[in-house]
Amino acid sequence: MSAPLIEPEDKQADEQVTIRLRPEIARDLRAYGQYASDSSTSHVVSAALKRLFAADKGFQSFSKSIRTQATRQFDRTADPGAKLRQKRR
């Protein structure tokens, strides 16, 4: 038998997100959790999404652009003089 594709669960606190799944997906999700050292379904979903996000180059580019925009927005909010300095450029 081969090893699971996900790392063992670290038992770190998580944010709760509610999702709905097709019955056959939910069944496979629970089965994969058992296969992966009795990992929780939350851990299996998190690990699968991490792999998906890492493999999807288009999403990585998109995600980077959103983070850049959020950082710029935060910088302007945190430093009221930033707007003035930007206008002077």
N, C-alpha and C. Protein backbone atom coordinates (compact mmCIF):
# COMPACT_ATOMS: atom_id res chain seq x y z
N MET A 1 0.86 -1.19 0.00
CA MET A 1 0.00 0.00 0.00
C MET A 1 0.90 1.23 0.00
N SER A 2 0.58 2.23 -0.82
CA SER A 2 1.37 3.46 -0.89
C SER A 2 0.99 4.41 0.25
N ALA A 3 1.84 5.42 0.42
CA ALA A 3 1.61 6.40 1.50
C ALA A 3 0.62 7.46 1.07
N PRO A 4 -0.10 8.06 2.02
CA PRO A 4 -1.02 9.16 1.69
C PRO A 4 -0.26 10.35 1.11
N LEU A 5 -0.95 11.14 0.32
CA LEU A 5 -0.34 12.33 -0.29
C LEU A 5 -0.32 13.54 0.64
N ILE A 6 -0.90 13.41 1.82
CA ILE A 6 -0.95 14.55 2.74
C ILE A 6 -0.10 14.27 3.98
N GLU A 7 0.34 15.35 4.61
CA GLU A 7 1.13 15.25 5.83
C GLU A 7 0.22 14.89 7.01
N PRO A 8 0.79 14.31 8.07
CA PRO A 8 -0.01 14.03 9.26
C PRO A 8 -0.61 15.31 9.84
N GLU A 9 -1.72 15.16 10.48
CA GLU A 9 -2.42 16.31 11.06
C GLU A 9 -1.63 16.89 12.22
N ASP A 10 -1.58 18.23 12.32
CA ASP A 10 -0.80 18.88 13.37
C ASP A 10 -1.63 19.35 14.56
N LYS A 11 -2.92 19.20 14.49
CA LYS A 11 -3.85 19.56 15.59
C LYS A 11 -3.83 21.05 15.93
N GLN A 12 -3.42 21.88 15.00
CA GLN A 12 -3.41 23.34 15.17
C GLN A 12 -4.86 23.85 15.10
N ALA A 13 -5.15 24.93 15.81
CA ALA A 13 -6.51 25.51 15.78
C ALA A 13 -6.83 26.00 14.37
N ASP A 14 -8.05 25.79 13.94
CA ASP A 14 -8.48 26.15 12.59
C ASP A 14 -9.64 27.12 12.61
N GLU A 15 -9.85 27.77 11.49
CA GLU A 15 -11.04 28.61 11.29
C GLU A 15 -12.14 27.72 10.75
N GLN A 16 -13.35 27.92 11.20
CA GLN A 16 -14.46 27.09 10.75
C GLN A 16 -15.06 27.63 9.46
N VAL A 17 -15.23 26.74 8.49
CA VAL A 17 -15.88 27.06 7.22
C VAL A 17 -16.88 25.94 6.95
N THR A 18 -18.09 26.28 6.58
CA THR A 18 -19.11 25.28 6.31
C THR A 18 -19.23 25.06 4.81
N ILE A 19 -19.19 23.80 4.40
CA ILE A 19 -19.34 23.46 2.98
C ILE A 19 -20.34 22.33 2.84
N ARG A 20 -20.87 22.17 1.63
CA ARG A 20 -21.77 21.06 1.33
C ARG A 20 -21.08 20.23 0.24
N LEU A 21 -21.15 18.92 0.38
CA LEU A 21 -20.52 18.00 -0.56
C LEU A 21 -21.51 16.97 -1.07
N ARG A 22 -21.27 16.51 -2.25
CA ARG A 22 -22.05 15.39 -2.79
C ARG A 22 -21.79 14.17 -1.90
N PRO A 23 -22.79 13.30 -1.72
CA PRO A 23 -22.61 12.14 -0.83
C PRO A 23 -21.38 11.29 -1.14
N GLU A 24 -21.11 11.06 -2.43
CA GLU A 24 -19.97 10.21 -2.77
C GLU A 24 -18.63 10.89 -2.43
N ILE A 25 -18.59 12.20 -2.53
CA ILE A 25 -17.38 12.95 -2.17
C ILE A 25 -17.19 12.91 -0.65
N ALA A 26 -18.26 13.11 0.09
CA ALA A 26 -18.20 13.06 1.55
C ALA A 26 -17.74 11.68 2.03
N ARG A 27 -18.24 10.64 1.37
CA ARG A 27 -17.86 9.27 1.73
C ARG A 27 -16.36 9.05 1.48
N ASP A 28 -15.88 9.51 0.32
CA ASP A 28 -14.45 9.37 0.00
C ASP A 28 -13.59 10.23 0.92
N LEU A 29 -14.09 11.39 1.30
CA LEU A 29 -13.37 12.27 2.21
C LEU A 29 -13.15 11.58 3.57
N ARG A 30 -14.20 10.99 4.09
CA ARG A 30 -14.07 10.27 5.37
C ARG A 30 -13.13 9.08 5.23
N ALA A 31 -13.25 8.35 4.13
CA ALA A 31 -12.38 7.19 3.89
C ALA A 31 -10.92 7.62 3.78
N TYR A 32 -10.66 8.73 3.09
CA TYR A 32 -9.28 9.20 2.95
C TYR A 32 -8.72 9.61 4.30
N GLY A 33 -9.55 10.20 5.15
CA GLY A 33 -9.11 10.55 6.50
C GLY A 33 -8.66 9.32 7.27
N GLN A 34 -9.41 8.24 7.15
CA GLN A 34 -9.02 6.99 7.80
C GLN A 34 -7.70 6.47 7.23
N TYR A 35 -7.58 6.53 5.91
CA TYR A 35 -6.37 6.06 5.23
C TYR A 35 -5.15 6.89 5.64
N ALA A 36 -5.34 8.18 5.85
CA ALA A 36 -4.24 9.09 6.19
C ALA A 36 -4.09 9.18 7.71
N SER A 37 -3.79 8.07 8.32
CA SER A 37 -3.52 8.01 9.76
C SER A 37 -4.65 8.56 10.62
N ASP A 38 -5.88 8.24 10.24
CA ASP A 38 -7.06 8.70 10.98
C ASP A 38 -7.10 10.23 11.11
N SER A 39 -6.78 10.92 10.03
CA SER A 39 -6.85 12.39 10.02
C SER A 39 -8.31 12.82 9.95
N SER A 40 -8.58 14.01 10.47
CA SER A 40 -9.94 14.55 10.43
C SER A 40 -10.28 14.96 8.99
N THR A 41 -11.57 15.06 8.73
CA THR A 41 -11.99 15.51 7.40
C THR A 41 -11.52 16.94 7.15
N SER A 42 -11.48 17.76 8.19
CA SER A 42 -10.98 19.13 8.04
C SER A 42 -9.54 19.14 7.58
N HIS A 43 -8.73 18.26 8.15
CA HIS A 43 -7.32 18.19 7.77
C HIS A 43 -7.18 17.73 6.31
N VAL A 44 -7.95 16.74 5.92
CA VAL A 44 -7.88 16.23 4.55
C VAL A 44 -8.24 17.34 3.57
N VAL A 45 -9.32 18.07 3.85
CA VAL A 45 -9.73 19.16 2.96
C VAL A 45 -8.64 20.24 2.91
N SER A 46 -8.10 20.62 4.07
CA SER A 46 -7.05 21.65 4.11
C SER A 46 -5.82 21.22 3.32
N ALA A 47 -5.40 19.98 3.51
CA ALA A 47 -4.21 19.48 2.81
C ALA A 47 -4.46 19.41 1.30
N ALA A 48 -5.64 18.97 0.92
CA ALA A 48 -5.97 18.89 -0.51
C ALA A 48 -6.00 20.28 -1.14
N LEU A 49 -6.56 21.25 -0.44
CA LEU A 49 -6.60 22.62 -0.95
C LEU A 49 -5.20 23.22 -1.05
N LYS A 50 -4.35 22.94 -0.07
CA LYS A 50 -2.97 23.43 -0.14
C LYS A 50 -2.28 22.90 -1.39
N ARG A 51 -2.47 21.62 -1.68
CA ARG A 51 -1.87 21.01 -2.88
C ARG A 51 -2.45 21.65 -4.14
N LEU A 52 -3.75 21.86 -4.15
CA LEU A 52 -4.40 22.49 -5.30
C LEU A 52 -3.85 23.90 -5.52
N PHE A 53 -3.80 24.70 -4.45
CA PHE A 53 -3.32 26.07 -4.56
C PHE A 53 -1.86 26.12 -5.03
N ALA A 54 -1.04 25.18 -4.55
CA ALA A 54 0.37 25.14 -4.93
C ALA A 54 0.55 24.72 -6.39
N ALA A 55 -0.34 23.88 -6.89
CA ALA A 55 -0.21 23.36 -8.26
C ALA A 55 -0.80 24.29 -9.31
N ASP A 56 -1.71 25.16 -8.93
CA ASP A 56 -2.42 26.01 -9.88
C ASP A 56 -1.67 27.34 -10.07
N LYS A 57 -0.88 27.43 -11.13
CA LYS A 57 -0.05 28.62 -11.38
C LYS A 57 -0.92 29.87 -11.62
N GLY A 58 -2.04 29.71 -12.27
CA GLY A 58 -2.94 30.84 -12.50
C GLY A 58 -3.47 31.40 -11.18
N PHE A 59 -3.84 30.50 -10.27
CA PHE A 59 -4.31 30.95 -8.96
C PHE A 59 -3.20 31.63 -8.19
N GLN A 60 -1.98 31.11 -8.27
CA GLN A 60 -0.86 31.72 -7.56
C GLN A 60 -0.66 33.17 -8.01
N SER A 61 -0.73 33.40 -9.30
CA SER A 61 -0.59 34.75 -9.84
C SER A 61 -1.74 35.64 -9.35
N PHE A 62 -2.95 35.13 -9.43
CA PHE A 62 -4.13 35.85 -8.98
C PHE A 62 -4.02 36.19 -7.49
N SER A 63 -3.66 35.19 -6.70
CA SER A 63 -3.55 35.37 -5.25
C SER A 63 -2.48 36.40 -4.90
N LYS A 64 -1.37 36.35 -5.62
CA LYS A 64 -0.30 37.32 -5.37
C LYS A 64 -0.78 38.74 -5.67
N SER A 65 -1.54 38.91 -6.75
CA SER A 65 -2.03 40.25 -7.09
C SER A 65 -3.02 40.76 -6.05
N ILE A 66 -3.85 39.88 -5.49
CA ILE A 66 -4.80 40.32 -4.46
C ILE A 66 -4.04 40.72 -3.19
N ARG A 67 -3.04 39.91 -2.81
CA ARG A 67 -2.26 40.23 -1.62
C ARG A 67 -1.53 41.56 -1.80
N THR A 68 -1.01 41.81 -2.99
CA THR A 68 -0.32 43.07 -3.27
C THR A 68 -1.29 44.24 -3.12
N GLN A 69 -2.50 44.10 -3.66
CA GLN A 69 -3.50 45.15 -3.55
C GLN A 69 -3.89 45.38 -2.09
N ALA A 70 -4.07 44.28 -1.35
CA ALA A 70 -4.45 44.40 0.06
C ALA A 70 -3.33 45.08 0.86
N THR A 71 -2.09 44.76 0.55
CA THR A 71 -0.95 45.39 1.24
C THR A 71 -0.92 46.88 0.95
N ARG A 72 -1.12 47.23 -0.30
CA ARG A 72 -1.12 48.66 -0.67
C ARG A 72 -2.24 49.39 0.05
N GLN A 73 -3.41 48.77 0.11
CA GLN A 73 -4.56 49.38 0.79
C GLN A 73 -4.25 49.55 2.27
N PHE A 74 -3.67 48.53 2.89
CA PHE A 74 -3.32 48.59 4.30
C PHE A 74 -2.28 49.68 4.54
N ASP A 75 -1.28 49.75 3.67
CA ASP A 75 -0.23 50.77 3.83
C ASP A 75 -0.83 52.18 3.79
N ARG A 76 -1.76 52.41 2.89
CA ARG A 76 -2.40 53.74 2.79
C ARG A 76 -3.23 54.04 4.03
N THR A 77 -3.90 53.01 4.55
CA THR A 77 -4.73 53.20 5.75
C THR A 77 -3.86 53.41 6.98
N ALA A 78 -2.78 52.66 7.08
CA ALA A 78 -1.91 52.73 8.25
C ALA A 78 -1.09 54.02 8.27
N ASP A 79 -0.81 54.59 7.09
CA ASP A 79 0.02 55.80 6.99
C ASP A 79 -0.76 56.86 6.22
N PRO A 80 -1.50 57.73 6.92
CA PRO A 80 -2.32 58.74 6.25
C PRO A 80 -1.52 59.63 5.30
N GLY A 81 -0.26 59.86 5.55
CA GLY A 81 0.56 60.70 4.67
C GLY A 81 0.94 60.01 3.38
N ALA A 82 0.70 58.69 3.28
CA ALA A 82 1.07 57.94 2.08
C ALA A 82 0.33 58.46 0.85
N LYS A 83 -0.95 58.82 1.02
CA LYS A 83 -1.72 59.34 -0.10
C LYS A 83 -1.09 60.63 -0.64
N LEU A 84 -0.70 61.50 0.25
CA LEU A 84 -0.10 62.76 -0.16
C LEU A 84 1.21 62.51 -0.89
N ARG A 85 2.03 61.62 -0.35
CA ARG A 85 3.32 61.31 -1.00
C ARG A 85 3.11 60.70 -2.35
N GLN A 86 2.06 59.84 -2.49
CA GLN A 86 1.77 59.21 -3.77
C GLN A 86 1.35 60.26 -4.80
N LYS A 87 0.55 61.22 -4.40
CA LYS A 87 0.09 62.27 -5.32
C LYS A 87 1.25 63.13 -5.82
N ARG A 88 2.26 63.33 -4.99
CA ARG A 88 3.39 64.18 -5.35
C ARG A 88 4.28 63.51 -6.40
N ARG A 89 4.23 62.19 -6.51
CA ARG A 89 5.10 61.46 -7.45
C ARG A 89 4.73 61.71 -8.88
